[in-house]
């Protein structure tokens, strides 16, 4: 898969949320009236997990001591692989509270995939985010781009996203971010002299 196929659609529309759009999504997620919906949207935001991976998340997948969410990587069904993704301690406390009445292997979110999709879309619509980027996949891609922008080492980002191949993760390097813009601004500045 090429970077163009991953990051842009056939018409050149961006398929990922940029930093400002991620902030807008986060603000709307925090305003969701139901704690279960809010925690679900925040799980996708903080970890870049897929909807199906979040819906399979149980109380036993929350490692409170390490402040990580442990996901079964569902794209690699032939292998049983788990990955740990760091989450903020404040979010760990929120998940602990939600998980407290649940059995150890009971999913934290008792709704289906289409309901998860609707929660994400509601946040996107409230944030006035439209188009192909305003999807759960756009949120996942946005997490990856944010990781690259924050200079997270690529092998670590690969592990967090559950990619089996580093080449898949390296596609996220091909976006116009702050570093690329800074290089372009140097060219423009030299032209003005």
N, C-alpha and C. Protein backbone atom coordinates (compact mmCIF):
# COMPACT_ATOMS: atom_id res chain seq x y z
N UNK A 1 0.85 -1.18 0.00
CA UNK A 1 0.00 0.00 0.00
C UNK A 1 0.89 1.24 0.00
N UNK A 2 0.57 2.19 -0.83
CA UNK A 2 1.36 3.41 -0.90
C UNK A 2 0.89 4.41 0.13
N UNK A 3 1.74 5.38 0.42
CA UNK A 3 1.37 6.43 1.37
C UNK A 3 0.16 7.20 0.84
N UNK A 4 0.14 7.43 -0.47
CA UNK A 4 -0.98 8.17 -1.05
C UNK A 4 -2.29 7.43 -0.81
N UNK A 5 -2.27 6.11 -0.94
CA UNK A 5 -3.49 5.32 -0.74
C UNK A 5 -3.92 5.35 0.72
N UNK A 6 -2.96 5.40 1.64
CA UNK A 6 -3.29 5.39 3.05
C UNK A 6 -3.71 6.77 3.55
N UNK A 7 -3.02 7.80 3.12
CA UNK A 7 -3.22 9.12 3.69
C UNK A 7 -4.19 10.01 2.90
N UNK A 8 -4.45 9.68 1.63
CA UNK A 8 -5.34 10.50 0.80
C UNK A 8 -6.25 9.59 -0.02
N UNK A 9 -7.47 10.06 -0.28
CA UNK A 9 -8.36 9.29 -1.15
C UNK A 9 -8.07 9.64 -2.61
N UNK A 10 -8.85 9.11 -3.53
CA UNK A 10 -8.61 9.30 -4.97
C UNK A 10 -8.72 10.76 -5.41
N UNK A 11 -9.42 11.55 -4.62
CA UNK A 11 -9.58 12.97 -4.97
C UNK A 11 -8.61 13.87 -4.21
N UNK A 12 -7.71 13.27 -3.46
CA UNK A 12 -6.72 14.04 -2.73
C UNK A 12 -7.18 14.52 -1.37
N UNK A 13 -8.31 14.00 -0.89
CA UNK A 13 -8.79 14.38 0.43
C UNK A 13 -8.01 13.62 1.51
N UNK A 14 -7.59 14.35 2.52
CA UNK A 14 -6.84 13.77 3.62
C UNK A 14 -7.71 12.78 4.39
N UNK A 15 -7.12 11.61 4.73
CA UNK A 15 -7.87 10.55 5.42
C UNK A 15 -7.52 10.47 6.90
N UNK A 16 -6.77 11.43 7.42
CA UNK A 16 -6.40 11.43 8.83
C UNK A 16 -6.75 12.77 9.46
N UNK A 17 -6.96 12.74 10.76
CA UNK A 17 -7.18 13.98 11.51
C UNK A 17 -5.83 14.61 11.81
N UNK A 18 -5.73 15.92 11.57
CA UNK A 18 -4.50 16.61 11.94
C UNK A 18 -4.56 16.98 13.42
N UNK A 19 -3.53 17.64 13.92
CA UNK A 19 -3.43 17.94 15.36
C UNK A 19 -4.62 18.76 15.85
N UNK A 20 -5.00 19.78 15.12
CA UNK A 20 -6.12 20.63 15.54
C UNK A 20 -7.43 19.85 15.52
N UNK A 21 -7.63 19.02 14.51
CA UNK A 21 -8.84 18.22 14.42
C UNK A 21 -8.91 17.18 15.54
N UNK A 22 -7.76 16.64 15.92
CA UNK A 22 -7.73 15.70 17.05
C UNK A 22 -8.16 16.40 18.33
N UNK A 23 -7.71 17.65 18.51
CA UNK A 23 -8.14 18.42 19.69
C UNK A 23 -9.64 18.63 19.68
N UNK A 24 -10.19 18.96 18.51
CA UNK A 24 -11.64 19.16 18.40
C UNK A 24 -12.39 17.88 18.74
N UNK A 25 -11.91 16.76 18.23
CA UNK A 25 -12.54 15.47 18.55
C UNK A 25 -12.49 15.21 20.05
N UNK A 26 -11.33 15.44 20.65
CA UNK A 26 -11.16 15.20 22.08
C UNK A 26 -12.15 16.04 22.89
N UNK A 27 -12.27 17.31 22.55
CA UNK A 27 -13.21 18.18 23.28
C UNK A 27 -14.64 17.66 23.19
N UNK A 28 -15.03 17.18 22.02
CA UNK A 28 -16.39 16.66 21.86
C UNK A 28 -16.56 15.34 22.59
N UNK A 29 -15.51 14.52 22.60
CA UNK A 29 -15.58 13.26 23.34
C UNK A 29 -15.78 13.53 24.83
N UNK A 30 -15.10 14.54 25.33
CA UNK A 30 -15.22 14.89 26.75
C UNK A 30 -16.61 15.40 27.11
N UNK A 31 -17.35 15.87 26.11
CA UNK A 31 -18.69 16.39 26.33
C UNK A 31 -19.79 15.34 26.19
N UNK A 32 -19.42 14.12 25.78
CA UNK A 32 -20.43 13.08 25.64
C UNK A 32 -21.11 12.86 26.98
N UNK A 33 -22.45 12.80 27.00
CA UNK A 33 -23.17 12.75 28.27
C UNK A 33 -23.06 11.42 29.02
N UNK A 34 -22.82 10.33 28.32
CA UNK A 34 -22.76 9.02 28.96
C UNK A 34 -21.30 8.59 29.15
N UNK A 35 -20.94 8.23 30.36
CA UNK A 35 -19.56 7.86 30.69
C UNK A 35 -19.05 6.72 29.80
N UNK A 36 -19.91 5.75 29.50
CA UNK A 36 -19.50 4.62 28.67
C UNK A 36 -19.12 5.07 27.27
N UNK A 37 -19.90 5.98 26.69
CA UNK A 37 -19.58 6.50 25.36
C UNK A 37 -18.31 7.35 25.40
N UNK A 38 -18.19 8.16 26.44
CA UNK A 38 -17.02 9.04 26.58
C UNK A 38 -15.75 8.20 26.68
N UNK A 39 -15.77 7.16 27.51
CA UNK A 39 -14.57 6.33 27.68
C UNK A 39 -14.23 5.58 26.39
N UNK A 40 -15.25 5.18 25.64
CA UNK A 40 -15.01 4.48 24.38
C UNK A 40 -14.30 5.42 23.38
N UNK A 41 -14.84 6.62 23.22
CA UNK A 41 -14.25 7.59 22.30
C UNK A 41 -12.82 7.94 22.72
N UNK A 42 -12.60 8.07 24.02
CA UNK A 42 -11.26 8.39 24.51
C UNK A 42 -10.29 7.23 24.31
N UNK A 43 -10.79 5.99 24.40
CA UNK A 43 -9.91 4.84 24.16
C UNK A 43 -9.37 4.89 22.73
N UNK A 44 -10.24 5.17 21.77
CA UNK A 44 -9.79 5.27 20.39
C UNK A 44 -8.82 6.44 20.22
N UNK A 45 -9.11 7.55 20.87
CA UNK A 45 -8.27 8.74 20.78
C UNK A 45 -6.88 8.50 21.36
N UNK A 46 -6.82 7.94 22.57
CA UNK A 46 -5.54 7.78 23.27
C UNK A 46 -4.67 6.66 22.73
N UNK A 47 -5.28 5.64 22.10
CA UNK A 47 -4.50 4.45 21.74
C UNK A 47 -4.40 4.18 20.24
N UNK A 48 -5.27 4.78 19.44
CA UNK A 48 -5.25 4.48 18.02
C UNK A 48 -5.74 3.08 17.70
N UNK A 49 -6.43 2.45 18.65
CA UNK A 49 -6.91 1.09 18.40
C UNK A 49 -8.07 1.10 17.41
N UNK A 50 -8.35 -0.07 16.87
CA UNK A 50 -9.50 -0.25 15.99
C UNK A 50 -10.76 -0.41 16.85
N UNK A 51 -11.92 -0.10 16.27
CA UNK A 51 -13.18 -0.25 17.01
C UNK A 51 -13.32 -1.67 17.55
N UNK A 52 -13.05 -2.67 16.74
CA UNK A 52 -13.21 -4.06 17.17
C UNK A 52 -12.26 -4.41 18.31
N UNK A 53 -11.07 -3.82 18.31
CA UNK A 53 -10.12 -4.07 19.40
C UNK A 53 -10.62 -3.43 20.70
N UNK A 54 -11.19 -2.23 20.60
CA UNK A 54 -11.75 -1.58 21.80
C UNK A 54 -12.92 -2.40 22.34
N UNK A 55 -13.77 -2.87 21.45
CA UNK A 55 -14.96 -3.61 21.90
C UNK A 55 -14.59 -4.96 22.53
N UNK A 56 -13.42 -5.49 22.22
CA UNK A 56 -12.96 -6.74 22.83
C UNK A 56 -12.21 -6.49 24.14
N UNK A 57 -12.00 -5.24 24.49
CA UNK A 57 -11.24 -4.86 25.69
C UNK A 57 -12.02 -5.20 26.96
N UNK A 58 -11.36 -5.91 27.88
CA UNK A 58 -11.99 -6.34 29.13
C UNK A 58 -11.26 -5.75 30.33
N UNK A 59 -11.84 -5.97 31.48
CA UNK A 59 -11.22 -5.49 32.73
C UNK A 59 -9.81 -6.05 32.88
N UNK A 60 -9.60 -7.30 32.48
CA UNK A 60 -8.27 -7.91 32.61
C UNK A 60 -7.26 -7.32 31.63
N UNK A 61 -7.72 -6.58 30.62
CA UNK A 61 -6.82 -5.94 29.66
C UNK A 61 -6.31 -4.58 30.13
N UNK A 62 -6.77 -4.14 31.28
CA UNK A 62 -6.31 -2.88 31.85
C UNK A 62 -5.21 -3.18 32.86
N UNK A 63 -3.99 -2.80 32.54
CA UNK A 63 -2.87 -2.99 33.45
C UNK A 63 -2.69 -1.68 34.21
N UNK A 64 -3.30 -1.63 35.40
CA UNK A 64 -3.29 -0.41 36.20
C UNK A 64 -1.89 -0.06 36.68
N UNK A 65 -1.10 -1.06 37.04
CA UNK A 65 0.25 -0.81 37.57
C UNK A 65 1.15 -0.15 36.53
N UNK A 66 0.99 -0.52 35.27
CA UNK A 66 1.82 0.03 34.20
C UNK A 66 1.14 1.16 33.44
N UNK A 67 -0.14 1.42 33.73
CA UNK A 67 -0.93 2.43 33.01
C UNK A 67 -0.93 2.16 31.51
N UNK A 68 -1.30 0.92 31.16
CA UNK A 68 -1.39 0.55 29.76
C UNK A 68 -2.70 -0.19 29.48
N UNK A 69 -3.14 -0.05 28.26
CA UNK A 69 -4.26 -0.83 27.75
C UNK A 69 -3.66 -1.94 26.89
N UNK A 70 -4.07 -3.17 27.14
CA UNK A 70 -3.53 -4.31 26.41
C UNK A 70 -4.59 -4.79 25.42
N UNK A 71 -4.22 -4.77 24.15
CA UNK A 71 -5.15 -5.16 23.08
C UNK A 71 -4.70 -6.44 22.42
N UNK A 72 -5.67 -7.26 22.07
CA UNK A 72 -5.39 -8.38 21.19
C UNK A 72 -5.41 -7.78 19.78
N UNK A 73 -4.33 -7.98 19.05
CA UNK A 73 -4.23 -7.44 17.70
C UNK A 73 -5.08 -8.31 16.79
N UNK A 74 -6.23 -7.79 16.38
CA UNK A 74 -7.20 -8.59 15.65
C UNK A 74 -6.91 -8.72 14.17
N UNK A 75 -6.09 -7.86 13.61
CA UNK A 75 -5.78 -7.96 12.18
C UNK A 75 -4.90 -9.18 11.88
N UNK A 76 -4.18 -9.65 12.86
CA UNK A 76 -3.27 -10.78 12.67
C UNK A 76 -3.88 -12.02 13.31
N UNK A 77 -4.96 -12.48 12.73
CA UNK A 77 -5.73 -13.58 13.32
C UNK A 77 -4.97 -14.90 13.36
N UNK A 78 -4.02 -15.09 12.45
CA UNK A 78 -3.27 -16.34 12.43
C UNK A 78 -2.41 -16.48 13.69
N UNK A 79 -1.92 -15.34 14.20
CA UNK A 79 -1.10 -15.34 15.40
C UNK A 79 -1.89 -14.71 16.53
N UNK A 80 -1.69 -15.20 17.72
CA UNK A 80 -2.28 -14.57 18.89
C UNK A 80 -1.26 -13.57 19.42
N UNK A 81 -1.52 -12.28 19.14
CA UNK A 81 -0.59 -11.23 19.55
C UNK A 81 -1.32 -10.19 20.39
N UNK A 82 -0.63 -9.78 21.44
CA UNK A 82 -1.14 -8.71 22.28
C UNK A 82 -0.15 -7.56 22.23
N UNK A 83 -0.67 -6.37 22.46
CA UNK A 83 0.21 -5.20 22.51
C UNK A 83 -0.27 -4.29 23.63
N UNK A 84 0.68 -3.67 24.29
CA UNK A 84 0.38 -2.74 25.38
C UNK A 84 0.60 -1.33 24.89
N UNK A 85 -0.40 -0.48 25.10
CA UNK A 85 -0.31 0.91 24.68
C UNK A 85 -0.48 1.78 25.92
N UNK A 86 0.48 2.68 26.18
CA UNK A 86 0.38 3.55 27.36
C UNK A 86 -0.86 4.45 27.26
N UNK A 87 -1.47 4.68 28.42
CA UNK A 87 -2.61 5.60 28.50
C UNK A 87 -2.41 6.50 29.72
N UNK A 88 -2.98 7.69 29.69
CA UNK A 88 -2.82 8.61 30.83
C UNK A 88 -3.41 8.02 32.12
N UNK A 89 -2.77 8.33 33.23
CA UNK A 89 -3.23 7.81 34.52
C UNK A 89 -4.66 8.25 34.82
N UNK A 90 -5.03 9.45 34.42
CA UNK A 90 -6.40 9.91 34.65
C UNK A 90 -7.39 9.03 33.89
N UNK A 91 -6.98 8.57 32.71
CA UNK A 91 -7.85 7.69 31.92
C UNK A 91 -7.89 6.29 32.55
N UNK A 92 -6.78 5.84 33.12
CA UNK A 92 -6.76 4.56 33.82
C UNK A 92 -7.79 4.59 34.95
N UNK A 93 -7.82 5.69 35.71
CA UNK A 93 -8.79 5.81 36.82
C UNK A 93 -10.22 5.77 36.30
N UNK A 94 -10.47 6.43 35.18
CA UNK A 94 -11.82 6.41 34.58
C UNK A 94 -12.21 4.98 34.19
N UNK A 95 -11.28 4.27 33.56
CA UNK A 95 -11.55 2.89 33.15
C UNK A 95 -11.72 1.97 34.35
N UNK A 96 -10.91 2.18 35.40
CA UNK A 96 -11.04 1.38 36.63
C UNK A 96 -12.45 1.51 37.19
N UNK A 97 -12.92 2.73 37.24
CA UNK A 97 -14.25 3.00 37.78
C UNK A 97 -15.33 2.29 36.95
N UNK A 98 -15.17 2.37 35.63
CA UNK A 98 -16.14 1.74 34.73
C UNK A 98 -16.07 0.22 34.82
N UNK A 99 -14.87 -0.32 35.01
CA UNK A 99 -14.68 -1.77 35.03
C UNK A 99 -15.03 -2.41 36.37
N UNK A 100 -15.08 -1.62 37.44
CA UNK A 100 -15.26 -2.16 38.79
C UNK A 100 -16.40 -3.16 38.92
N UNK A 101 -17.60 -2.89 38.39
CA UNK A 101 -18.69 -3.86 38.58
C UNK A 101 -18.65 -5.05 37.60
N UNK A 102 -17.70 -5.05 36.69
CA UNK A 102 -17.68 -6.08 35.65
C UNK A 102 -16.86 -7.30 36.05
N UNK A 103 -17.21 -8.44 35.47
CA UNK A 103 -16.40 -9.64 35.63
C UNK A 103 -15.08 -9.44 34.90
N UNK A 104 -14.07 -10.21 35.28
CA UNK A 104 -12.71 -10.05 34.74
C UNK A 104 -12.65 -10.06 33.21
N UNK A 105 -13.40 -10.93 32.57
CA UNK A 105 -13.34 -11.05 31.11
C UNK A 105 -14.57 -10.49 30.40
N UNK A 106 -15.30 -9.64 31.08
CA UNK A 106 -16.47 -9.00 30.48
C UNK A 106 -16.02 -7.71 29.78
N UNK A 107 -16.44 -7.51 28.52
CA UNK A 107 -16.04 -6.30 27.80
C UNK A 107 -16.50 -5.03 28.51
N UNK A 108 -15.66 -4.00 28.47
CA UNK A 108 -16.01 -2.72 29.09
C UNK A 108 -17.17 -2.05 28.38
N UNK A 109 -17.26 -2.27 27.08
CA UNK A 109 -18.32 -1.63 26.31
C UNK A 109 -19.25 -2.71 25.78
N UNK A 110 -20.48 -2.68 26.25
CA UNK A 110 -21.45 -3.71 25.91
C UNK A 110 -22.30 -3.36 24.72
N UNK A 111 -21.72 -2.69 23.75
CA UNK A 111 -22.49 -2.37 22.55
C UNK A 111 -21.77 -2.92 21.32
N UNK A 112 -22.44 -2.83 20.20
CA UNK A 112 -21.92 -3.41 18.96
C UNK A 112 -21.06 -2.40 18.19
N UNK A 113 -20.46 -2.91 17.15
CA UNK A 113 -19.57 -2.13 16.29
C UNK A 113 -20.27 -0.91 15.69
N UNK A 114 -21.51 -1.08 15.24
CA UNK A 114 -22.21 0.05 14.61
C UNK A 114 -22.51 1.14 15.63
N UNK A 115 -22.75 0.78 16.87
CA UNK A 115 -22.95 1.79 17.92
C UNK A 115 -21.63 2.53 18.18
N UNK A 116 -20.53 1.80 18.20
CA UNK A 116 -19.21 2.43 18.35
C UNK A 116 -18.95 3.42 17.24
N UNK A 117 -19.29 3.03 16.02
CA UNK A 117 -19.12 3.89 14.86
C UNK A 117 -19.96 5.17 15.04
N UNK A 118 -21.19 5.00 15.51
CA UNK A 118 -22.09 6.15 15.69
C UNK A 118 -21.57 7.12 16.75
N UNK A 119 -20.95 6.58 17.79
CA UNK A 119 -20.37 7.44 18.84
C UNK A 119 -19.27 8.31 18.25
N UNK A 120 -18.40 7.69 17.47
CA UNK A 120 -17.31 8.43 16.83
C UNK A 120 -17.88 9.48 15.88
N UNK A 121 -18.85 9.08 15.07
CA UNK A 121 -19.45 10.03 14.11
C UNK A 121 -20.13 11.20 14.83
N UNK A 122 -20.76 10.93 15.97
CA UNK A 122 -21.41 12.00 16.73
C UNK A 122 -20.37 13.03 17.18
N UNK A 123 -19.22 12.55 17.67
CA UNK A 123 -18.13 13.47 18.07
C UNK A 123 -17.61 14.24 16.87
N UNK A 124 -17.43 13.55 15.76
CA UNK A 124 -16.94 14.21 14.55
C UNK A 124 -17.92 15.28 14.08
N UNK A 125 -19.20 14.95 14.04
CA UNK A 125 -20.20 15.92 13.61
C UNK A 125 -20.26 17.12 14.54
N UNK A 126 -20.20 16.87 15.85
CA UNK A 126 -20.23 17.96 16.82
C UNK A 126 -19.01 18.86 16.69
N UNK A 127 -17.89 18.29 16.26
CA UNK A 127 -16.66 19.05 16.06
C UNK A 127 -16.62 19.68 14.67
N UNK A 128 -17.69 19.48 13.90
CA UNK A 128 -17.78 19.97 12.52
C UNK A 128 -16.68 19.42 11.63
N UNK A 129 -16.34 18.15 11.86
CA UNK A 129 -15.36 17.45 11.04
C UNK A 129 -16.12 16.61 10.03
N UNK A 130 -15.80 16.77 8.77
CA UNK A 130 -16.54 16.12 7.70
C UNK A 130 -15.60 15.34 6.79
N UNK A 131 -16.21 14.50 5.98
CA UNK A 131 -15.47 13.78 4.94
C UNK A 131 -14.84 12.50 5.43
N UNK A 132 -13.96 11.98 4.60
CA UNK A 132 -13.36 10.67 4.84
C UNK A 132 -12.49 10.63 6.11
N UNK A 133 -11.97 11.78 6.51
CA UNK A 133 -11.14 11.82 7.72
C UNK A 133 -11.97 11.70 9.00
N UNK A 134 -13.26 12.01 8.91
CA UNK A 134 -14.14 12.05 10.08
C UNK A 134 -14.74 10.67 10.36
N UNK A 135 -13.86 9.68 10.51
CA UNK A 135 -14.25 8.29 10.72
C UNK A 135 -13.35 7.67 11.80
N UNK A 136 -13.71 6.51 12.31
CA UNK A 136 -12.81 5.83 13.25
C UNK A 136 -11.42 5.58 12.64
N UNK A 137 -11.39 5.24 11.36
CA UNK A 137 -10.11 5.01 10.69
C UNK A 137 -9.31 6.31 10.61
N UNK A 138 -10.01 7.43 10.36
CA UNK A 138 -9.34 8.74 10.33
C UNK A 138 -8.75 9.08 11.68
N UNK A 139 -9.43 8.67 12.74
CA UNK A 139 -8.93 8.87 14.10
C UNK A 139 -7.69 8.02 14.34
N UNK A 140 -7.72 6.77 13.87
CA UNK A 140 -6.55 5.88 13.99
C UNK A 140 -5.37 6.43 13.21
N UNK A 141 -5.61 6.84 11.96
CA UNK A 141 -4.54 7.44 11.16
C UNK A 141 -4.01 8.70 11.84
N UNK A 142 -4.92 9.50 12.41
CA UNK A 142 -4.51 10.72 13.10
C UNK A 142 -3.62 10.43 14.31
N UNK A 143 -3.92 9.33 15.02
CA UNK A 143 -3.07 8.91 16.14
C UNK A 143 -1.66 8.61 15.62
N UNK A 144 -1.58 7.89 14.51
CA UNK A 144 -0.28 7.53 13.95
C UNK A 144 0.49 8.76 13.50
N UNK A 145 -0.18 9.68 12.84
CA UNK A 145 0.47 10.92 12.39
C UNK A 145 0.92 11.74 13.61
N UNK A 146 0.09 11.78 14.65
CA UNK A 146 0.48 12.49 15.88
C UNK A 146 1.72 11.86 16.49
N UNK A 147 1.80 10.53 16.44
CA UNK A 147 2.98 9.84 16.95
C UNK A 147 4.23 10.20 16.17
N UNK A 148 4.13 10.23 14.87
CA UNK A 148 5.26 10.62 14.03
C UNK A 148 5.64 12.07 14.32
N UNK A 149 4.65 12.94 14.45
CA UNK A 149 4.90 14.36 14.74
C UNK A 149 5.59 14.55 16.08
N UNK A 150 5.28 13.67 17.03
CA UNK A 150 5.88 13.74 18.37
C UNK A 150 7.22 13.01 18.43
N UNK A 151 7.70 12.55 17.28
CA UNK A 151 8.99 11.85 17.16
C UNK A 151 9.03 10.54 17.95
N UNK A 152 7.88 9.86 18.03
CA UNK A 152 7.85 8.53 18.62
C UNK A 152 8.65 7.61 17.69
N UNK A 153 9.60 6.85 18.21
CA UNK A 153 10.36 5.94 17.34
C UNK A 153 9.42 5.02 16.56
N UNK A 154 9.72 4.86 15.29
CA UNK A 154 8.83 4.09 14.41
C UNK A 154 8.57 2.66 14.90
N UNK A 155 9.58 1.92 15.40
CA UNK A 155 9.28 0.57 15.90
C UNK A 155 8.30 0.58 17.08
N UNK A 156 8.37 1.61 17.91
CA UNK A 156 7.43 1.72 19.03
C UNK A 156 6.03 2.03 18.53
N UNK A 157 5.93 2.95 17.58
CA UNK A 157 4.63 3.26 16.99
C UNK A 157 4.05 2.04 16.28
N UNK A 158 4.91 1.28 15.62
CA UNK A 158 4.48 0.03 14.97
C UNK A 158 3.85 -0.91 15.98
N UNK A 159 4.51 -1.05 17.13
CA UNK A 159 3.99 -1.94 18.18
C UNK A 159 2.65 -1.43 18.71
N UNK A 160 2.55 -0.12 18.98
CA UNK A 160 1.31 0.44 19.50
C UNK A 160 0.15 0.24 18.53
N UNK A 161 0.43 0.36 17.22
CA UNK A 161 -0.63 0.22 16.22
C UNK A 161 -0.93 -1.24 15.88
N UNK A 162 -0.03 -2.14 16.25
CA UNK A 162 -0.26 -3.56 15.98
C UNK A 162 0.06 -3.94 14.55
N UNK A 163 0.97 -3.20 13.92
CA UNK A 163 1.38 -3.53 12.55
C UNK A 163 2.42 -4.65 12.59
N UNK A 164 2.29 -5.62 11.72
CA UNK A 164 3.27 -6.70 11.67
C UNK A 164 4.51 -6.29 10.90
N UNK A 165 4.40 -5.26 10.08
CA UNK A 165 5.49 -4.84 9.21
C UNK A 165 5.80 -3.37 9.45
N UNK A 166 7.07 -3.05 9.68
CA UNK A 166 7.49 -1.66 9.90
C UNK A 166 7.21 -0.80 8.67
N UNK A 167 7.23 -1.40 7.50
CA UNK A 167 6.96 -0.67 6.27
C UNK A 167 5.55 -0.06 6.28
N UNK A 168 4.60 -0.77 6.86
CA UNK A 168 3.24 -0.25 6.97
C UNK A 168 3.23 1.01 7.82
N UNK A 169 3.93 0.98 8.94
CA UNK A 169 3.99 2.13 9.85
C UNK A 169 4.75 3.29 9.21
N UNK A 170 5.77 2.99 8.43
CA UNK A 170 6.59 4.06 7.83
C UNK A 170 5.81 4.90 6.83
N UNK A 171 4.67 4.41 6.38
CA UNK A 171 3.84 5.19 5.46
C UNK A 171 3.42 6.51 6.11
N UNK A 172 3.27 6.50 7.43
CA UNK A 172 2.85 7.71 8.13
C UNK A 172 3.91 8.81 8.13
N UNK A 173 5.12 8.47 7.74
CA UNK A 173 6.16 9.48 7.63
C UNK A 173 5.89 10.44 6.47
N UNK A 174 5.04 10.01 5.54
CA UNK A 174 4.79 10.79 4.34
C UNK A 174 3.55 11.68 4.49
N UNK A 175 3.67 12.66 5.34
CA UNK A 175 2.60 13.64 5.50
C UNK A 175 3.24 15.01 5.69
N UNK A 176 2.47 16.03 5.47
CA UNK A 176 3.01 17.39 5.62
C UNK A 176 2.78 17.82 7.06
N UNK A 177 3.83 17.78 7.83
CA UNK A 177 3.75 18.16 9.23
C UNK A 177 4.61 19.38 9.50
N UNK A 178 4.83 19.64 10.78
CA UNK A 178 5.59 20.83 11.18
C UNK A 178 7.00 20.81 10.62
N UNK A 179 7.67 19.65 10.68
CA UNK A 179 9.04 19.60 10.20
C UNK A 179 9.12 19.89 8.71
N UNK A 180 8.23 19.28 7.94
CA UNK A 180 8.24 19.51 6.50
C UNK A 180 7.92 20.96 6.18
N UNK A 181 6.97 21.53 6.88
CA UNK A 181 6.61 22.94 6.67
C UNK A 181 7.80 23.84 7.02
N UNK A 182 8.56 23.50 8.08
CA UNK A 182 9.73 24.30 8.47
C UNK A 182 10.78 24.29 7.35
N UNK A 183 10.97 23.12 6.71
CA UNK A 183 11.91 23.07 5.59
C UNK A 183 11.43 23.97 4.45
N UNK A 184 10.16 23.89 4.14
CA UNK A 184 9.61 24.72 3.06
C UNK A 184 9.74 26.20 3.39
N UNK A 185 9.51 26.57 4.65
CA UNK A 185 9.63 27.98 5.05
C UNK A 185 11.05 28.48 4.89
N UNK A 186 12.04 27.61 5.09
CA UNK A 186 13.44 28.01 4.87
C UNK A 186 13.67 28.34 3.40
N UNK A 187 13.07 27.54 2.52
CA UNK A 187 13.19 27.80 1.08
C UNK A 187 12.54 29.13 0.75
N UNK A 188 11.36 29.37 1.29
CA UNK A 188 10.65 30.63 1.00
C UNK A 188 11.45 31.82 1.53
N UNK A 189 12.06 31.65 2.72
CA UNK A 189 12.82 32.74 3.31
C UNK A 189 14.04 33.06 2.46
N UNK A 190 14.68 32.02 1.92
CA UNK A 190 15.85 32.25 1.06
C UNK A 190 15.46 32.97 -0.23
N UNK A 191 14.28 32.72 -0.70
CA UNK A 191 13.80 33.37 -1.91
C UNK A 191 13.56 34.87 -1.67
N UNK A 192 13.15 35.22 -0.48
CA UNK A 192 12.83 36.61 -0.16
C UNK A 192 14.06 37.46 0.04
N UNK A 193 15.22 36.85 0.22
CA UNK A 193 16.46 37.61 0.47
C UNK A 193 17.02 38.22 -0.78
